[in-house]
Amino acid sequence: MKKITPSFWLQRQIPWGLSFTLASLLVSCSYSDIPIGPTSLNSRYTEQQPALSGNGRFLAFVSNRNGSHLVLLYDLEQQQFIATPGLNRPETIAESPSLSYTGRYIAYITSDQGRPVVALYDRATQQSQILTPIYPAWVRNPNISPNGRYVVFETASRGQWDIEVLDRGPNIELDIPNGAAVGESP
């Protein structure tokens, strides 16, 4: 008959205890705890390419909830989606969103006549405009400055990926926090 010592008991019980603890952690972190639905941040569809506004309130991301790549805007404070009429055009793909400081401006990639272009959506006017309509090369990964004046993106105009800086000009309406002086940068 084998004598059961404390060390023998520990050798047998520790693996079971660790396995139980690990299983408990996995169950507690399961995806079923994440709210899923048409009005929640997550859905059963692919959500990707997240971008956060400078003030941390808005989240833009690409989703295929409606059967195509759409840029969606979510208010993290109110925990609801923000309507963006004019942002997503029918039968086009939208990708790589970037937000200005308060989320007024959204720079993103869309398609125009089969080629990717950099577009800019203004939530105040609810209009989208193409910033690179006759650009001779492929573009990708736009990023807008916090105040909305500058948009940077990658371009393959020289046969390699380079960076372009597009200045929207001094006369645009800047995206600045309420009460900030015009010369201040958020």
Protein backbone atom coordinates (compact mmCIF):
# COMPACT_ATOMS: atom_id res chain seq x y z
CA MET A 1 0.00 0.00 0.00
CA LYS A 2 1.32 3.41 -1.05
CA LYS A 3 1.48 6.12 1.57
CA ILE A 4 -0.19 9.41 0.54
CA THR A 5 2.02 12.29 1.56
CA PRO A 6 1.19 15.99 1.32
CA SER A 7 3.59 16.39 -1.61
CA PHE A 8 1.90 13.47 -3.45
CA TRP A 9 -1.50 15.11 -2.89
CA LEU A 10 -0.24 18.49 -4.18
CA GLN A 11 1.25 16.90 -7.30
CA ARG A 12 -2.13 15.34 -8.10
CA GLN A 13 -4.31 18.34 -7.20
CA ILE A 14 -2.39 21.29 -8.69
CA PRO A 15 -2.97 20.28 -12.33
CA TRP A 16 -6.70 19.86 -11.63
CA GLY A 17 -6.85 23.19 -9.82
CA LEU A 18 -5.03 25.01 -12.63
CA SER A 19 -7.25 23.38 -15.24
CA PHE A 20 -10.37 24.40 -13.33
CA THR A 21 -9.11 27.99 -12.89
CA LEU A 22 -8.21 28.27 -16.58
CA ALA A 23 -11.60 26.88 -17.62
CA SER A 24 -13.33 29.39 -15.31
CA LEU A 25 -11.41 32.26 -16.87
CA LEU A 26 -12.25 31.14 -20.39
CA VAL A 27 -15.94 30.83 -19.58
CA SER A 28 -16.04 34.23 -17.89
CA CYS A 29 -14.41 35.86 -20.93
CA SER A 30 -16.59 34.20 -23.52
CA TYR A 31 -17.95 36.25 -26.40
CA SER A 32 -21.50 35.58 -25.26
CA ASP A 33 -21.06 38.27 -22.59
CA ILE A 34 -20.57 40.94 -25.27
CA PRO A 35 -23.83 42.70 -26.20
CA ILE A 36 -24.69 41.78 -29.77
CA GLY A 37 -27.37 43.34 -31.92
CA PRO A 38 -28.26 45.99 -34.48
CA THR A 39 -27.97 48.82 -31.94
CA SER A 40 -24.92 47.55 -30.06
CA LEU A 41 -21.30 48.16 -30.94
CA ASN A 42 -20.66 44.50 -31.80
CA SER A 43 -22.66 42.31 -34.13
CA ARG A 44 -22.38 38.87 -35.62
CA TYR A 45 -20.78 40.46 -38.69
CA THR A 46 -17.20 41.54 -39.27
CA GLU A 47 -16.24 44.79 -37.54
CA GLN A 48 -12.76 46.09 -38.38
CA GLN A 49 -10.45 49.09 -38.88
CA PRO A 50 -11.50 51.06 -35.78
CA ALA A 51 -10.62 54.74 -35.44
CA LEU A 52 -11.19 56.90 -32.37
CA SER A 53 -11.88 60.64 -32.40
CA GLY A 54 -9.35 62.86 -30.65
CA ASN A 55 -11.70 63.57 -27.76
CA GLY A 56 -12.36 59.84 -27.31
CA ARG A 57 -16.12 60.11 -27.76
CA PHE A 58 -16.68 58.70 -31.24
CA LEU A 59 -15.61 55.46 -32.84
CA ALA A 60 -15.67 54.91 -36.60
CA PHE A 61 -15.20 51.44 -38.03
CA VAL A 62 -15.92 49.34 -41.08
CA SER A 63 -18.70 46.78 -40.85
CA ASN A 64 -20.40 44.45 -43.28
CA ARG A 65 -23.72 44.45 -41.37
CA ASN A 66 -25.72 45.39 -44.46
CA GLY A 67 -23.88 43.17 -46.91
CA SER A 68 -21.19 45.67 -47.96
CA HIS A 69 -18.27 47.47 -46.37
CA LEU A 70 -19.81 50.50 -44.64
CA VAL A 71 -18.23 53.08 -42.36
CA LEU A 72 -20.29 53.30 -39.19
CA LEU A 73 -20.03 55.95 -36.47
CA TYR A 74 -20.72 55.05 -32.84
CA ASP A 75 -21.08 57.47 -29.91
CA LEU A 76 -19.30 55.79 -27.00
CA GLU A 77 -20.78 58.24 -24.47
CA GLN A 78 -24.41 57.75 -25.54
CA GLN A 79 -23.80 54.11 -26.60
CA GLN A 80 -25.63 54.48 -29.88
CA PHE A 81 -24.95 54.78 -33.57
CA ILE A 82 -24.88 58.22 -35.18
CA ALA A 83 -26.72 58.67 -38.47
CA THR A 84 -24.37 59.63 -41.29
CA PRO A 85 -26.53 60.29 -44.36
CA GLY A 86 -24.39 60.77 -47.46
CA LEU A 87 -21.37 58.89 -46.07
CA ASN A 88 -21.85 55.46 -47.59
CA ARG A 89 -22.79 55.36 -51.25
CA PRO A 90 -24.66 52.39 -52.71
CA GLU A 91 -22.53 49.72 -54.37
CA THR A 92 -19.21 51.14 -53.14
CA ILE A 93 -16.79 49.91 -50.53
CA ALA A 94 -15.68 52.22 -47.74
CA GLU A 95 -12.50 51.51 -45.76
CA SER A 96 -9.85 52.96 -43.45
CA PRO A 97 -11.81 55.65 -41.57
CA SER A 98 -10.02 58.39 -39.66
CA LEU A 99 -11.71 60.95 -37.37
CA SER A 100 -10.95 64.56 -36.55
CA TYR A 101 -10.94 65.75 -32.93
CA THR A 102 -14.70 65.84 -32.27
CA GLY A 103 -15.56 63.44 -35.10
CA ARG A 104 -16.95 66.19 -37.32
CA TYR A 105 -14.78 65.09 -40.25
CA ILE A 106 -14.25 61.50 -41.37
CA ALA A 107 -11.54 60.79 -43.94
CA TYR A 108 -11.82 57.38 -45.59
CA ILE A 109 -11.13 55.36 -48.72
CA THR A 110 -13.96 54.67 -51.15
CA SER A 111 -14.13 53.78 -54.82
CA ASP A 112 -14.80 56.05 -57.76
CA GLN A 113 -15.03 54.45 -61.19
CA GLY A 114 -13.33 51.34 -59.82
CA ARG A 115 -10.30 53.09 -58.28
CA PRO A 116 -9.71 53.86 -54.62
CA VAL A 117 -9.97 57.54 -53.72
CA VAL A 118 -9.65 59.51 -50.50
CA ALA A 119 -12.97 61.01 -49.45
CA LEU A 120 -13.99 63.34 -46.65
CA TYR A 121 -17.36 63.35 -44.89
CA ASP A 122 -18.51 66.44 -42.97
CA ARG A 123 -21.08 65.60 -40.30
CA ALA A 124 -22.18 69.25 -40.09
CA THR A 125 -23.21 69.43 -43.76
CA GLN A 126 -23.91 65.68 -44.09
CA GLN A 127 -22.00 65.64 -47.36
CA SER A 128 -19.11 63.62 -48.64
CA GLN A 129 -16.56 64.87 -51.14
CA ILE A 130 -13.75 63.11 -52.96
CA LEU A 131 -10.41 64.73 -52.18
CA THR A 132 -8.38 62.87 -54.83
CA PRO A 133 -10.76 62.76 -57.85
CA ILE A 134 -8.15 62.71 -60.63
CA TYR A 135 -5.23 61.34 -58.68
CA PRO A 136 -3.07 59.27 -61.05
CA ALA A 137 -2.05 56.58 -58.55
CA TRP A 138 -3.47 54.16 -56.01
CA VAL A 139 -4.10 55.54 -52.53
CA ARG A 140 -4.63 53.96 -49.12
CA ASN A 141 -4.68 54.59 -45.34
CA PRO A 142 -5.89 58.19 -45.02
CA ASN A 143 -5.51 59.98 -41.70
CA ILE A 144 -7.00 63.38 -40.86
CA SER A 145 -5.43 65.92 -38.51
CA PRO A 146 -7.30 66.66 -35.28
CA ASN A 147 -8.49 70.06 -36.55
CA GLY A 148 -9.50 68.64 -39.94
CA ARG A 149 -7.26 70.80 -42.09
CA TYR A 150 -4.72 68.18 -43.22
CA VAL A 151 -5.26 64.72 -44.66
CA VAL A 152 -2.30 62.40 -45.10
CA PHE A 153 -2.41 59.19 -47.09
CA GLU A 154 -0.18 56.67 -48.82
CA THR A 155 0.22 56.81 -52.59
CA ALA A 156 1.92 54.61 -55.16
CA SER A 157 2.59 57.43 -57.63
CA ARG A 158 6.34 56.67 -57.87
CA GLY A 159 6.01 52.90 -58.04
CA GLN A 160 6.41 52.52 -54.28
CA TRP A 161 4.29 53.56 -51.30
CA ASP A 162 5.02 57.17 -50.34
CA ILE A 163 3.24 59.65 -48.07
CA GLU A 164 1.27 62.64 -49.37
CA VAL A 165 0.01 65.55 -47.27
CA LEU A 166 -3.10 67.30 -48.54
CA ASP A 167 -3.75 70.78 -47.09
CA ARG A 168 -7.45 71.58 -47.29
CA GLY A 169 -6.59 75.26 -46.96
CA PRO A 170 -6.80 78.03 -44.35
CA ASN A 171 -10.45 78.86 -45.09
CA ILE A 172 -12.04 75.58 -44.02
CA GLU A 173 -14.08 75.37 -40.86
CA LEU A 174 -11.78 73.73 -38.33
CA ASP A 175 -12.86 70.99 -35.95
CA ILE A 176 -12.00 72.54 -32.61
CA PRO A 177 -13.51 71.97 -29.16
CA ASN A 178 -16.14 74.43 -28.00
CA GLY A 179 -14.54 77.42 -26.33
CA ALA A 180 -11.07 76.86 -27.81
CA ALA A 181 -9.39 79.72 -29.61
CA VAL A 182 -9.05 79.30 -33.38
CA GLY A 183 -5.24 79.28 -33.19
CA GLU A 184 -5.21 76.45 -30.65
CA SER A 185 -4.75 72.91 -31.85
CA PRO A 186 -6.69 70.17 -30.06
